[in-house]
């Protein structure tokens, strides 16, 4: 495979945020009168990688204007707890390798730019900078519909100047796997939240439980191509 670019999802792939997002969701739902909390198991099975609007509409009956306000509140509550966000194991070692392997790199995320900037700035303040490893960060604001719609993948490839079939995309969610495969990328599924079996069921070409396994996969793909 000719590899011109390697792209990564953010939440659940490069960073661990599900506890902060789950807490933010439950706090947001309480503002709207919901007293029963969403469990961690339910959150992982139903909301990981899903757009915030769809997550909120799953629990609340909101008008368009109310939904916009709820998303803003959800993001504000999440940002207030980003000190708890951490890098996934071995991220920096993998990114160091990828920066020397691929000509182009990107983050492709369903999160909104304001939240992503807050997260990346916070990580940098804690000497955990990852922004410098990427040519660009493409966020939900860029497109009408986020993943699983492949539009965000196409836009990233266009901006990078590469073809989707020459990009490797690393994802931890089924929605991201679907988007990557619809676009024509080679998709590596990372089993941080979802089983390898399920990620492969939704189209992942291969799955890993340790991010460092990706180094060997990239090398083999390059040799075979």
N, C-alpha and C. Protein backbone atom coordinates (compact mmCIF):
# COMPACT_ATOMS: atom_id res chain seq x y z
N UNK A 1 0.84 -1.21 0.00
CA UNK A 1 0.00 0.00 0.00
C UNK A 1 0.87 1.25 0.00
N UNK A 2 0.54 2.20 -0.84
CA UNK A 2 1.22 3.48 -0.86
C UNK A 2 0.60 4.35 0.24
N UNK A 3 1.37 4.72 1.25
CA UNK A 3 0.85 5.49 2.37
C UNK A 3 1.37 6.92 2.27
N UNK A 4 0.45 7.84 1.97
CA UNK A 4 0.82 9.26 1.90
C UNK A 4 0.46 10.01 3.18
N UNK A 5 -0.45 9.44 3.96
CA UNK A 5 -0.89 10.14 5.18
C UNK A 5 -1.37 9.13 6.21
N UNK A 6 -1.21 9.52 7.47
CA UNK A 6 -1.77 8.75 8.59
C UNK A 6 -2.59 9.73 9.43
N UNK A 7 -3.85 9.35 9.69
CA UNK A 7 -4.74 10.22 10.46
C UNK A 7 -5.27 9.46 11.67
N UNK A 8 -5.61 10.22 12.69
CA UNK A 8 -6.09 9.65 13.95
C UNK A 8 -7.37 10.34 14.40
N UNK A 9 -8.28 9.56 14.95
CA UNK A 9 -9.35 10.12 15.76
C UNK A 9 -8.71 10.67 17.03
N UNK A 10 -9.44 11.48 17.78
CA UNK A 10 -8.89 12.07 19.01
C UNK A 10 -9.40 11.35 20.26
N UNK A 11 -10.66 11.57 20.61
CA UNK A 11 -11.22 10.98 21.83
C UNK A 11 -11.25 9.46 21.75
N UNK A 12 -10.63 8.81 22.73
CA UNK A 12 -10.62 7.36 22.78
C UNK A 12 -9.49 6.73 22.01
N UNK A 13 -8.87 7.50 21.12
CA UNK A 13 -7.77 6.97 20.31
C UNK A 13 -6.44 7.54 20.79
N UNK A 14 -6.31 8.85 20.74
CA UNK A 14 -5.09 9.50 21.23
C UNK A 14 -5.20 9.89 22.70
N UNK A 15 -6.41 10.21 23.13
CA UNK A 15 -6.61 10.62 24.51
C UNK A 15 -7.76 9.85 25.13
N UNK A 16 -7.75 9.75 26.45
CA UNK A 16 -8.81 9.07 27.20
C UNK A 16 -9.71 10.13 27.82
N UNK A 17 -10.95 10.20 27.35
CA UNK A 17 -11.85 11.25 27.79
C UNK A 17 -13.23 10.74 28.21
N UNK A 18 -13.47 9.44 28.11
CA UNK A 18 -14.86 8.99 28.29
C UNK A 18 -15.40 9.29 29.68
N UNK A 19 -14.56 9.24 30.72
CA UNK A 19 -15.06 9.56 32.07
C UNK A 19 -15.50 11.02 32.16
N UNK A 20 -14.72 11.90 31.52
CA UNK A 20 -15.07 13.32 31.54
C UNK A 20 -16.33 13.59 30.72
N UNK A 21 -16.46 12.92 29.56
CA UNK A 21 -17.65 13.10 28.74
C UNK A 21 -18.89 12.53 29.43
N UNK A 22 -18.74 11.36 30.06
CA UNK A 22 -19.87 10.75 30.78
C UNK A 22 -20.33 11.65 31.92
N UNK A 23 -19.38 12.17 32.68
CA UNK A 23 -19.73 13.08 33.77
C UNK A 23 -20.43 14.32 33.22
N UNK A 24 -19.90 14.86 32.13
CA UNK A 24 -20.51 16.04 31.52
C UNK A 24 -21.91 15.77 31.01
N UNK A 25 -22.12 14.58 30.45
CA UNK A 25 -23.45 14.23 29.95
C UNK A 25 -24.46 14.17 31.09
N UNK A 26 -24.08 13.48 32.17
CA UNK A 26 -25.02 13.34 33.29
C UNK A 26 -25.31 14.68 33.95
N UNK A 27 -24.31 15.54 34.04
CA UNK A 27 -24.55 16.87 34.61
C UNK A 27 -25.47 17.69 33.70
N UNK A 28 -25.28 17.55 32.39
CA UNK A 28 -26.13 18.26 31.44
C UNK A 28 -27.57 17.76 31.51
N UNK A 29 -27.73 16.45 31.58
CA UNK A 29 -29.07 15.88 31.65
C UNK A 29 -29.80 16.32 32.92
N UNK A 30 -29.05 16.46 34.01
CA UNK A 30 -29.67 16.91 35.26
C UNK A 30 -30.20 18.34 35.12
N UNK A 31 -29.52 19.16 34.33
CA UNK A 31 -29.99 20.52 34.10
C UNK A 31 -31.35 20.52 33.42
N UNK A 32 -31.64 19.44 32.70
CA UNK A 32 -32.90 19.34 31.96
C UNK A 32 -33.89 18.40 32.66
N UNK A 33 -33.64 18.15 33.95
CA UNK A 33 -34.60 17.43 34.76
C UNK A 33 -34.49 15.92 34.78
N UNK A 34 -33.44 15.37 34.17
CA UNK A 34 -33.26 13.92 34.17
C UNK A 34 -32.51 13.51 35.44
N UNK A 35 -33.11 12.65 36.22
CA UNK A 35 -32.49 12.24 37.48
C UNK A 35 -31.75 10.91 37.39
N UNK A 36 -32.13 10.08 36.43
CA UNK A 36 -31.47 8.78 36.28
C UNK A 36 -30.19 8.94 35.47
N UNK A 37 -29.08 8.51 36.04
CA UNK A 37 -27.79 8.70 35.37
C UNK A 37 -27.55 7.64 34.29
N UNK A 38 -26.83 8.07 33.27
CA UNK A 38 -26.38 7.14 32.22
C UNK A 38 -25.19 6.36 32.78
N UNK A 39 -25.24 5.05 32.68
CA UNK A 39 -24.14 4.23 33.20
C UNK A 39 -22.94 4.26 32.25
N UNK A 40 -21.78 3.94 32.79
CA UNK A 40 -20.57 3.91 31.96
C UNK A 40 -20.71 2.86 30.86
N UNK A 41 -21.26 1.70 31.20
CA UNK A 41 -21.45 0.63 30.22
C UNK A 41 -22.35 1.10 29.08
N UNK A 42 -23.46 1.74 29.43
CA UNK A 42 -24.39 2.22 28.41
C UNK A 42 -23.73 3.30 27.55
N UNK A 43 -22.98 4.17 28.19
CA UNK A 43 -22.30 5.25 27.47
C UNK A 43 -21.34 4.67 26.44
N UNK A 44 -20.52 3.72 26.84
CA UNK A 44 -19.54 3.12 25.94
C UNK A 44 -20.23 2.40 24.78
N UNK A 45 -21.28 1.67 25.08
CA UNK A 45 -21.95 0.87 24.06
C UNK A 45 -22.77 1.71 23.08
N UNK A 46 -23.24 2.87 23.53
CA UNK A 46 -24.18 3.63 22.71
C UNK A 46 -23.73 5.03 22.29
N UNK A 47 -22.77 5.61 23.00
CA UNK A 47 -22.45 7.01 22.73
C UNK A 47 -21.01 7.30 22.32
N UNK A 48 -20.10 6.33 22.46
CA UNK A 48 -18.71 6.58 22.07
C UNK A 48 -18.63 6.83 20.56
N UNK A 49 -18.05 7.96 20.19
CA UNK A 49 -17.89 8.29 18.78
C UNK A 49 -19.11 8.89 18.13
N UNK A 50 -20.21 9.04 18.88
CA UNK A 50 -21.46 9.56 18.34
C UNK A 50 -21.50 11.07 18.54
N UNK A 51 -22.07 11.78 17.56
CA UNK A 51 -22.16 13.24 17.66
C UNK A 51 -22.92 13.66 18.92
N UNK A 52 -22.51 14.78 19.49
CA UNK A 52 -23.14 15.27 20.71
C UNK A 52 -24.63 15.53 20.52
N UNK A 53 -25.01 16.05 19.36
CA UNK A 53 -26.43 16.32 19.13
C UNK A 53 -27.24 15.03 19.23
N UNK A 54 -26.72 13.96 18.65
CA UNK A 54 -27.44 12.68 18.66
C UNK A 54 -27.47 12.08 20.07
N UNK A 55 -26.38 12.26 20.80
CA UNK A 55 -26.35 11.76 22.19
C UNK A 55 -27.42 12.46 23.02
N UNK A 56 -27.50 13.78 22.90
CA UNK A 56 -28.47 14.53 23.70
C UNK A 56 -29.91 14.22 23.28
N UNK A 57 -30.14 14.10 21.98
CA UNK A 57 -31.49 13.81 21.49
C UNK A 57 -31.93 12.40 21.88
N UNK A 58 -30.96 11.53 22.14
CA UNK A 58 -31.28 10.19 22.60
C UNK A 58 -31.96 10.23 23.98
N UNK A 59 -31.63 11.27 24.75
CA UNK A 59 -32.15 11.36 26.12
C UNK A 59 -33.15 12.49 26.33
N UNK A 60 -33.15 13.48 25.45
CA UNK A 60 -33.97 14.66 25.65
C UNK A 60 -34.79 14.99 24.41
N UNK A 61 -35.98 15.49 24.63
CA UNK A 61 -36.84 15.96 23.54
C UNK A 61 -36.66 17.47 23.44
N UNK A 62 -35.84 17.90 22.46
CA UNK A 62 -35.46 19.31 22.38
C UNK A 62 -35.76 19.88 21.00
N UNK A 63 -36.12 21.16 20.98
CA UNK A 63 -36.25 21.86 19.71
C UNK A 63 -34.85 22.17 19.18
N UNK A 64 -34.79 22.66 17.96
CA UNK A 64 -33.49 22.97 17.36
C UNK A 64 -32.72 24.00 18.19
N UNK A 65 -33.40 25.04 18.63
CA UNK A 65 -32.72 26.08 19.42
C UNK A 65 -32.33 25.55 20.79
N UNK A 66 -33.19 24.73 21.39
CA UNK A 66 -32.88 24.14 22.69
C UNK A 66 -31.69 23.19 22.58
N UNK A 67 -31.63 22.46 21.47
CA UNK A 67 -30.52 21.52 21.26
C UNK A 67 -29.20 22.26 21.15
N UNK A 68 -29.21 23.36 20.43
CA UNK A 68 -27.98 24.15 20.29
C UNK A 68 -27.49 24.64 21.65
N UNK A 69 -28.41 25.09 22.47
CA UNK A 69 -28.06 25.55 23.82
C UNK A 69 -27.55 24.39 24.67
N UNK A 70 -28.18 23.21 24.54
CA UNK A 70 -27.76 22.04 25.32
C UNK A 70 -26.36 21.59 24.93
N UNK A 71 -26.04 21.64 23.65
CA UNK A 71 -24.70 21.27 23.19
C UNK A 71 -23.68 22.23 23.79
N UNK A 72 -24.00 23.52 23.80
CA UNK A 72 -23.09 24.51 24.38
C UNK A 72 -22.85 24.21 25.86
N UNK A 73 -23.92 23.89 26.58
CA UNK A 73 -23.79 23.58 28.01
C UNK A 73 -22.96 22.31 28.21
N UNK A 74 -23.23 21.31 27.40
CA UNK A 74 -22.49 20.04 27.46
C UNK A 74 -20.99 20.30 27.28
N UNK A 75 -20.65 21.10 26.29
CA UNK A 75 -19.24 21.40 26.03
C UNK A 75 -18.62 22.20 27.17
N UNK A 76 -19.36 23.16 27.70
CA UNK A 76 -18.84 23.97 28.81
C UNK A 76 -18.55 23.11 30.03
N UNK A 77 -19.46 22.20 30.32
CA UNK A 77 -19.28 21.32 31.48
C UNK A 77 -18.09 20.39 31.26
N UNK A 78 -17.96 19.87 30.05
CA UNK A 78 -16.83 19.00 29.74
C UNK A 78 -15.51 19.75 29.89
N UNK A 79 -15.44 20.94 29.32
CA UNK A 79 -14.20 21.72 29.37
C UNK A 79 -13.77 21.99 30.80
N UNK A 80 -14.73 22.13 31.71
CA UNK A 80 -14.41 22.42 33.11
C UNK A 80 -13.67 21.26 33.79
N UNK A 81 -13.68 20.08 33.15
CA UNK A 81 -13.04 18.92 33.77
C UNK A 81 -11.90 18.35 32.91
N UNK A 82 -11.36 19.13 31.99
CA UNK A 82 -10.36 18.57 31.07
C UNK A 82 -9.01 18.30 31.74
N UNK A 83 -8.82 18.78 32.96
CA UNK A 83 -7.58 18.42 33.66
C UNK A 83 -7.49 16.91 33.90
N UNK A 84 -8.64 16.22 33.78
CA UNK A 84 -8.65 14.78 33.99
C UNK A 84 -8.37 14.00 32.70
N UNK A 85 -8.30 14.71 31.57
CA UNK A 85 -8.00 14.06 30.30
C UNK A 85 -6.55 13.61 30.30
N UNK A 86 -6.30 12.41 29.82
CA UNK A 86 -4.93 11.90 29.75
C UNK A 86 -4.66 11.30 28.38
N UNK A 87 -3.38 11.19 28.06
CA UNK A 87 -2.99 10.52 26.82
C UNK A 87 -3.17 9.03 26.97
N UNK A 88 -3.54 8.37 25.87
CA UNK A 88 -3.55 6.92 25.87
C UNK A 88 -2.12 6.42 26.00
N UNK A 89 -1.97 5.20 26.47
CA UNK A 89 -0.64 4.62 26.65
C UNK A 89 0.12 4.58 25.32
N UNK A 90 1.37 4.98 25.37
CA UNK A 90 2.31 4.89 24.24
C UNK A 90 2.01 5.85 23.09
N UNK A 91 1.16 6.85 23.32
CA UNK A 91 0.82 7.79 22.25
C UNK A 91 2.04 8.54 21.73
N UNK A 92 2.82 9.09 22.63
CA UNK A 92 3.95 9.92 22.18
C UNK A 92 4.98 9.10 21.40
N UNK A 93 5.23 7.88 21.83
CA UNK A 93 6.17 7.03 21.09
C UNK A 93 5.64 6.72 19.70
N UNK A 94 4.35 6.44 19.60
CA UNK A 94 3.76 6.16 18.29
C UNK A 94 3.81 7.39 17.39
N UNK A 95 3.44 8.55 17.92
CA UNK A 95 3.42 9.75 17.11
C UNK A 95 4.82 10.15 16.65
N UNK A 96 5.81 9.90 17.49
CA UNK A 96 7.19 10.16 17.09
C UNK A 96 7.56 9.29 15.89
N UNK A 97 7.14 8.05 15.94
CA UNK A 97 7.40 7.13 14.82
C UNK A 97 6.66 7.58 13.56
N UNK A 98 5.37 7.89 13.71
CA UNK A 98 4.55 8.27 12.56
C UNK A 98 5.06 9.54 11.90
N UNK A 99 5.55 10.48 12.70
CA UNK A 99 6.05 11.74 12.14
C UNK A 99 7.25 11.52 11.22
N UNK A 100 8.00 10.44 11.46
CA UNK A 100 9.12 10.12 10.59
C UNK A 100 8.75 9.17 9.48
N UNK A 101 7.56 8.59 9.56
CA UNK A 101 7.12 7.59 8.59
C UNK A 101 6.26 8.19 7.49
N UNK A 102 5.30 9.02 7.88
CA UNK A 102 4.32 9.55 6.92
C UNK A 102 4.62 11.00 6.57
N UNK A 103 4.39 11.33 5.31
CA UNK A 103 4.62 12.70 4.86
C UNK A 103 3.57 13.66 5.45
N UNK A 104 2.32 13.17 5.59
CA UNK A 104 1.24 14.02 6.08
C UNK A 104 0.53 13.32 7.26
N UNK A 105 0.09 14.13 8.22
CA UNK A 105 -0.62 13.59 9.39
C UNK A 105 -1.77 14.51 9.77
N UNK A 106 -2.81 13.94 10.39
CA UNK A 106 -3.96 14.75 10.77
C UNK A 106 -4.71 14.11 11.92
N UNK A 107 -5.43 14.94 12.65
CA UNK A 107 -6.44 14.49 13.60
C UNK A 107 -7.80 14.76 12.96
N UNK A 108 -8.69 13.76 13.00
CA UNK A 108 -10.04 13.90 12.46
C UNK A 108 -11.01 13.53 13.57
N UNK A 109 -11.78 14.51 14.04
CA UNK A 109 -12.59 14.28 15.23
C UNK A 109 -14.01 14.82 15.09
N UNK A 110 -14.95 14.15 15.75
CA UNK A 110 -16.33 14.63 15.82
C UNK A 110 -16.52 15.71 16.88
N UNK A 111 -15.47 16.01 17.64
CA UNK A 111 -15.56 17.06 18.64
C UNK A 111 -15.47 18.43 17.96
N UNK A 112 -16.03 19.44 18.61
CA UNK A 112 -16.02 20.79 18.05
C UNK A 112 -14.70 21.50 18.35
N UNK A 113 -14.36 22.46 17.48
CA UNK A 113 -13.04 23.08 17.52
C UNK A 113 -12.74 23.74 18.87
N UNK A 114 -13.74 24.39 19.46
CA UNK A 114 -13.51 25.06 20.75
C UNK A 114 -13.06 24.06 21.80
N UNK A 115 -13.71 22.91 21.84
CA UNK A 115 -13.38 21.88 22.82
C UNK A 115 -12.01 21.29 22.51
N UNK A 116 -11.76 21.01 21.24
CA UNK A 116 -10.48 20.41 20.84
C UNK A 116 -9.33 21.35 21.19
N UNK A 117 -9.48 22.64 20.91
CA UNK A 117 -8.43 23.60 21.24
C UNK A 117 -8.17 23.63 22.75
N UNK A 118 -9.23 23.60 23.54
CA UNK A 118 -9.08 23.60 25.00
C UNK A 118 -8.32 22.35 25.45
N UNK A 119 -8.67 21.21 24.89
CA UNK A 119 -8.01 19.96 25.27
C UNK A 119 -6.53 20.00 24.90
N UNK A 120 -6.24 20.37 23.66
CA UNK A 120 -4.85 20.36 23.20
C UNK A 120 -4.01 21.39 23.94
N UNK A 121 -4.59 22.55 24.22
CA UNK A 121 -3.86 23.57 24.98
C UNK A 121 -3.60 23.08 26.41
N UNK A 122 -4.60 22.41 26.99
CA UNK A 122 -4.44 21.88 28.35
C UNK A 122 -3.34 20.83 28.39
N UNK A 123 -3.32 19.95 27.42
CA UNK A 123 -2.27 18.92 27.37
C UNK A 123 -0.90 19.57 27.24
N UNK A 124 -0.79 20.59 26.40
CA UNK A 124 0.48 21.29 26.23
C UNK A 124 0.94 21.92 27.53
N UNK A 125 0.00 22.47 28.29
CA UNK A 125 0.34 23.09 29.57
C UNK A 125 0.87 22.08 30.57
N UNK A 126 0.56 20.82 30.35
CA UNK A 126 1.04 19.74 31.21
C UNK A 126 2.20 18.98 30.58
N UNK A 127 2.86 19.62 29.61
CA UNK A 127 4.01 19.02 28.91
C UNK A 127 3.64 17.72 28.20
N UNK A 128 2.42 17.69 27.66
CA UNK A 128 1.94 16.53 26.91
C UNK A 128 1.49 16.97 25.52
N UNK A 129 2.30 17.80 24.89
CA UNK A 129 1.93 18.37 23.60
C UNK A 129 1.85 17.30 22.52
N UNK A 130 0.72 17.23 21.82
CA UNK A 130 0.62 16.34 20.65
C UNK A 130 0.30 17.14 19.38
N UNK A 131 -0.11 18.37 19.53
CA UNK A 131 -0.50 19.18 18.37
C UNK A 131 0.63 19.28 17.35
N UNK A 132 1.86 19.38 17.85
CA UNK A 132 3.00 19.56 16.97
C UNK A 132 3.29 18.39 16.04
N UNK A 133 2.68 17.24 16.31
CA UNK A 133 2.89 16.08 15.46
C UNK A 133 1.99 16.07 14.22
N UNK A 134 1.07 17.03 14.13
CA UNK A 134 0.06 16.97 13.08
C UNK A 134 0.09 18.18 12.16
N UNK A 135 -0.16 17.92 10.88
CA UNK A 135 -0.24 19.00 9.90
C UNK A 135 -1.54 19.77 10.06
N UNK A 136 -2.59 19.09 10.50
CA UNK A 136 -3.86 19.76 10.68
C UNK A 136 -4.76 18.99 11.63
N UNK A 137 -5.72 19.71 12.19
CA UNK A 137 -6.76 19.12 13.03
C UNK A 137 -8.10 19.49 12.40
N UNK A 138 -8.88 18.49 12.01
CA UNK A 138 -10.16 18.73 11.34
C UNK A 138 -11.28 18.34 12.30
N UNK A 139 -12.17 19.29 12.60
CA UNK A 139 -13.18 19.11 13.64
C UNK A 139 -14.59 19.08 13.06
N UNK A 140 -15.53 18.82 13.94
CA UNK A 140 -16.95 18.69 13.55
C UNK A 140 -17.48 19.95 12.91
N UNK A 141 -16.95 21.10 13.27
CA UNK A 141 -17.43 22.37 12.72
C UNK A 141 -17.26 22.45 11.20
N UNK A 142 -16.36 21.62 10.68
CA UNK A 142 -15.99 21.69 9.27
C UNK A 142 -17.07 21.15 8.35
N UNK A 143 -17.93 20.28 8.86
CA UNK A 143 -18.88 19.56 8.00
C UNK A 143 -20.31 19.68 8.50
N UNK A 144 -21.27 19.36 7.61
CA UNK A 144 -22.68 19.37 7.99
C UNK A 144 -23.01 18.20 8.90
N UNK A 145 -22.39 17.05 8.61
CA UNK A 145 -22.61 15.85 9.41
C UNK A 145 -21.26 15.24 9.76
N UNK A 146 -21.12 14.82 11.02
CA UNK A 146 -19.88 14.18 11.44
C UNK A 146 -19.87 12.71 11.08
N UNK A 147 -18.83 12.02 11.54
CA UNK A 147 -18.75 10.58 11.36
C UNK A 147 -20.00 9.93 11.98
N UNK A 148 -20.62 8.95 11.32
CA UNK A 148 -20.10 8.06 10.28
C UNK A 148 -20.16 8.59 8.85
N UNK A 149 -20.72 9.79 8.63
CA UNK A 149 -20.65 10.38 7.31
C UNK A 149 -19.18 10.57 6.93
N UNK A 150 -18.77 10.16 5.73
CA UNK A 150 -17.35 10.23 5.37
C UNK A 150 -16.87 11.61 4.93
N UNK A 151 -17.77 12.62 4.93
CA UNK A 151 -17.40 13.94 4.42
C UNK A 151 -16.16 14.49 5.11
N UNK A 152 -16.05 14.30 6.41
CA UNK A 152 -14.91 14.85 7.15
C UNK A 152 -13.59 14.18 6.73
N UNK A 153 -13.67 12.92 6.31
CA UNK A 153 -12.48 12.22 5.79
C UNK A 153 -12.10 12.80 4.44
N UNK A 154 -13.08 12.98 3.56
CA UNK A 154 -12.81 13.54 2.24
C UNK A 154 -12.19 14.92 2.34
N UNK A 155 -12.73 15.76 3.22
CA UNK A 155 -12.21 17.12 3.37
C UNK A 155 -10.77 17.09 3.87
N UNK A 156 -10.48 16.21 4.82
CA UNK A 156 -9.12 16.10 5.33
C UNK A 156 -8.16 15.69 4.22
N UNK A 157 -8.55 14.70 3.44
CA UNK A 157 -7.69 14.24 2.35
C UNK A 157 -7.46 15.35 1.32
N UNK A 158 -8.52 16.08 1.03
CA UNK A 158 -8.40 17.18 0.07
C UNK A 158 -7.42 18.24 0.59
N UNK A 159 -7.53 18.57 1.86
CA UNK A 159 -6.65 19.59 2.43
C UNK A 159 -5.20 19.10 2.52
N UNK A 160 -5.04 17.81 2.76
CA UNK A 160 -3.69 17.24 2.83
C UNK A 160 -3.09 17.02 1.44
N UNK A 161 -3.95 16.98 0.43
CA UNK A 161 -3.49 16.71 -0.92
C UNK A 161 -3.19 15.24 -1.17
N UNK A 162 -3.98 14.35 -0.55
CA UNK A 162 -3.78 12.91 -0.71
C UNK A 162 -5.11 12.26 -1.09
N UNK A 163 -5.03 11.04 -1.62
CA UNK A 163 -6.22 10.26 -1.93
C UNK A 163 -6.59 9.42 -0.71
N UNK A 164 -7.89 9.24 -0.45
CA UNK A 164 -8.31 8.44 0.71
C UNK A 164 -7.71 7.03 0.72
N UNK A 165 -7.57 6.42 -0.46
CA UNK A 165 -7.02 5.06 -0.51
C UNK A 165 -5.54 5.00 -0.15
N UNK A 166 -4.92 6.18 -0.04
CA UNK A 166 -3.51 6.24 0.36
C UNK A 166 -3.35 6.80 1.78
N UNK A 167 -4.45 6.76 2.53
CA UNK A 167 -4.39 7.22 3.92
C UNK A 167 -4.79 6.10 4.87
N UNK A 168 -4.03 5.97 5.95
CA UNK A 168 -4.37 5.06 7.04
C UNK A 168 -5.06 5.87 8.12
N UNK A 169 -6.20 5.37 8.58
CA UNK A 169 -6.98 6.08 9.59
C UNK A 169 -7.13 5.19 10.81
N UNK A 170 -6.76 5.73 11.99
CA UNK A 170 -6.81 4.99 13.25
C UNK A 170 -8.01 5.48 14.06
N UNK A 171 -8.90 4.55 14.43
CA UNK A 171 -10.16 4.89 15.09
C UNK A 171 -10.49 3.90 16.20
N UNK A 172 -11.23 4.39 17.21
CA UNK A 172 -11.67 3.50 18.29
C UNK A 172 -13.17 3.27 18.28
N UNK A 173 -13.92 3.99 17.44
CA UNK A 173 -15.38 3.90 17.46
C UNK A 173 -15.91 3.29 16.17
N UNK A 174 -17.12 2.71 16.26
CA UNK A 174 -17.72 2.13 15.07
C UNK A 174 -18.09 3.22 14.06
N UNK A 175 -18.52 4.38 14.54
CA UNK A 175 -18.89 5.46 13.61
C UNK A 175 -17.67 5.93 12.82
N UNK A 176 -16.53 6.00 13.48
CA UNK A 176 -15.31 6.41 12.79
C UNK A 176 -14.82 5.36 11.81
N UNK A 177 -14.93 4.09 12.20
CA UNK A 177 -14.55 3.00 11.30
C UNK A 177 -15.42 3.05 10.04
N UNK A 178 -16.71 3.23 10.22
CA UNK A 178 -17.62 3.31 9.07
C UNK A 178 -17.23 4.46 8.15
N UNK A 179 -16.97 5.62 8.73
CA UNK A 179 -16.59 6.79 7.93
C UNK A 179 -15.31 6.53 7.14
N UNK A 180 -14.32 5.96 7.81
CA UNK A 180 -13.06 5.69 7.15
C UNK A 180 -13.19 4.71 5.99
N UNK A 181 -13.97 3.66 6.20
CA UNK A 181 -14.15 2.65 5.15
C UNK A 181 -15.00 3.20 4.01
N UNK A 182 -16.03 3.98 4.32
CA UNK A 182 -16.84 4.59 3.26
C UNK A 182 -16.00 5.50 2.38
N UNK A 183 -15.02 6.16 2.99
CA UNK A 183 -14.16 7.06 2.23
C UNK A 183 -13.12 6.31 1.41
N UNK A 184 -12.81 5.07 1.81
CA UNK A 184 -11.84 4.28 1.07
C UNK A 184 -10.49 4.16 1.74
N UNK A 185 -10.39 4.55 3.02
CA UNK A 185 -9.12 4.47 3.75
C UNK A 185 -8.85 3.04 4.23
N UNK A 186 -7.60 2.79 4.57
CA UNK A 186 -7.25 1.60 5.33
C UNK A 186 -7.47 1.96 6.79
N UNK A 187 -8.33 1.22 7.48
CA UNK A 187 -8.74 1.60 8.84
C UNK A 187 -8.18 0.62 9.86
N UNK A 188 -7.47 1.16 10.83
CA UNK A 188 -6.98 0.40 11.98
C UNK A 188 -7.89 0.70 13.16
N UNK A 189 -8.52 -0.33 13.71
CA UNK A 189 -9.38 -0.15 14.86
C UNK A 189 -8.62 -0.34 16.16
N UNK A 190 -8.74 0.62 17.06
CA UNK A 190 -8.07 0.55 18.36
C UNK A 190 -9.09 0.17 19.42
N UNK A 191 -8.84 -0.91 20.12
CA UNK A 191 -9.83 -1.48 21.04
C UNK A 191 -9.78 -0.86 22.44
N UNK A 192 -9.80 0.46 22.51
CA UNK A 192 -9.78 1.12 23.82
C UNK A 192 -11.14 1.07 24.49
N UNK A 193 -12.20 1.02 23.68
CA UNK A 193 -13.56 1.01 24.22
C UNK A 193 -14.42 -0.13 23.68
N UNK A 194 -14.15 -0.55 22.47
CA UNK A 194 -14.99 -1.52 21.78
C UNK A 194 -14.14 -2.71 21.35
N UNK A 195 -14.73 -3.89 21.37
CA UNK A 195 -13.97 -5.11 21.05
C UNK A 195 -13.48 -5.10 19.60
N UNK A 196 -12.39 -5.80 19.38
CA UNK A 196 -11.87 -5.94 18.04
C UNK A 196 -12.87 -6.60 17.11
N UNK A 197 -13.60 -7.57 17.64
CA UNK A 197 -14.60 -8.27 16.83
C UNK A 197 -15.65 -7.31 16.30
N UNK A 198 -16.12 -6.41 17.16
CA UNK A 198 -17.15 -5.46 16.73
C UNK A 198 -16.58 -4.44 15.76
N UNK A 199 -15.37 -3.96 16.00
CA UNK A 199 -14.76 -3.00 15.08
C UNK A 199 -14.54 -3.62 13.71
N UNK A 200 -14.14 -4.89 13.68
CA UNK A 200 -13.97 -5.58 12.39
C UNK A 200 -15.33 -5.80 11.73
N UNK A 201 -16.34 -6.06 12.54
CA UNK A 201 -17.70 -6.24 12.00
C UNK A 201 -18.15 -4.99 11.25
N UNK A 202 -17.74 -3.81 11.75
CA UNK A 202 -18.13 -2.56 11.11
C UNK A 202 -17.14 -2.12 10.03
N UNK A 203 -16.13 -2.94 9.76
CA UNK A 203 -15.28 -2.68 8.61
C UNK A 203 -13.81 -2.47 8.84
N UNK A 204 -13.35 -2.43 10.09
CA UNK A 204 -11.92 -2.22 10.34
C UNK A 204 -11.10 -3.28 9.63
N UNK A 205 -10.03 -2.87 8.97
CA UNK A 205 -9.17 -3.80 8.26
C UNK A 205 -8.36 -4.66 9.21
N UNK A 206 -8.01 -4.08 10.35
CA UNK A 206 -7.23 -4.78 11.36
C UNK A 206 -7.46 -4.06 12.68
N UNK A 207 -7.28 -4.73 13.80
CA UNK A 207 -7.46 -4.08 15.10
C UNK A 207 -6.23 -4.28 15.97
N UNK A 208 -6.04 -3.35 16.90
CA UNK A 208 -4.91 -3.43 17.83
C UNK A 208 -5.40 -3.12 19.23
N UNK A 209 -4.76 -3.71 20.21
CA UNK A 209 -5.07 -3.40 21.61
C UNK A 209 -4.00 -2.51 22.23
N UNK A 210 -2.87 -2.38 21.54
CA UNK A 210 -1.75 -1.53 21.98
C UNK A 210 -1.37 -0.65 20.80
N UNK A 211 -1.33 0.66 21.00
CA UNK A 211 -1.04 1.57 19.90
C UNK A 211 0.31 1.31 19.24
N UNK A 212 1.26 0.76 19.99
CA UNK A 212 2.57 0.50 19.40
C UNK A 212 2.53 -0.59 18.34
N UNK A 213 1.47 -1.40 18.33
CA UNK A 213 1.32 -2.40 17.27
C UNK A 213 1.19 -1.73 15.91
N UNK A 214 0.77 -0.50 15.90
CA UNK A 214 0.56 0.22 14.64
C UNK A 214 1.88 0.43 13.90
N UNK A 215 2.97 0.56 14.63
CA UNK A 215 4.26 0.74 13.98
C UNK A 215 4.55 -0.42 13.03
N UNK A 216 4.36 -1.64 13.50
CA UNK A 216 4.62 -2.80 12.67
C UNK A 216 3.65 -2.91 11.51
N UNK A 217 2.38 -2.54 11.75
CA UNK A 217 1.38 -2.61 10.68
C UNK A 217 1.73 -1.64 9.56
N UNK A 218 2.11 -0.41 9.92
CA UNK A 218 2.49 0.57 8.91
C UNK A 218 3.68 0.10 8.09
N UNK A 219 4.66 -0.46 8.76
CA UNK A 219 5.85 -0.97 8.06
C UNK A 219 5.49 -2.06 7.08
N UNK A 220 4.64 -3.00 7.51
CA UNK A 220 4.22 -4.10 6.65
C UNK A 220 3.40 -3.59 5.47
N UNK A 221 2.52 -2.64 5.70
CA UNK A 221 1.72 -2.08 4.61
C UNK A 221 2.61 -1.41 3.58
N UNK A 222 3.60 -0.66 4.05
CA UNK A 222 4.50 0.03 3.14
C UNK A 222 5.32 -0.95 2.30
N UNK A 223 5.75 -2.03 2.94
CA UNK A 223 6.54 -3.05 2.22
C UNK A 223 5.68 -3.75 1.18
N UNK A 224 4.44 -4.08 1.57
CA UNK A 224 3.55 -4.82 0.66
C UNK A 224 3.10 -3.97 -0.51
N UNK A 225 3.14 -2.63 -0.32
CA UNK A 225 2.67 -1.75 -1.38
C UNK A 225 3.75 -1.35 -2.34
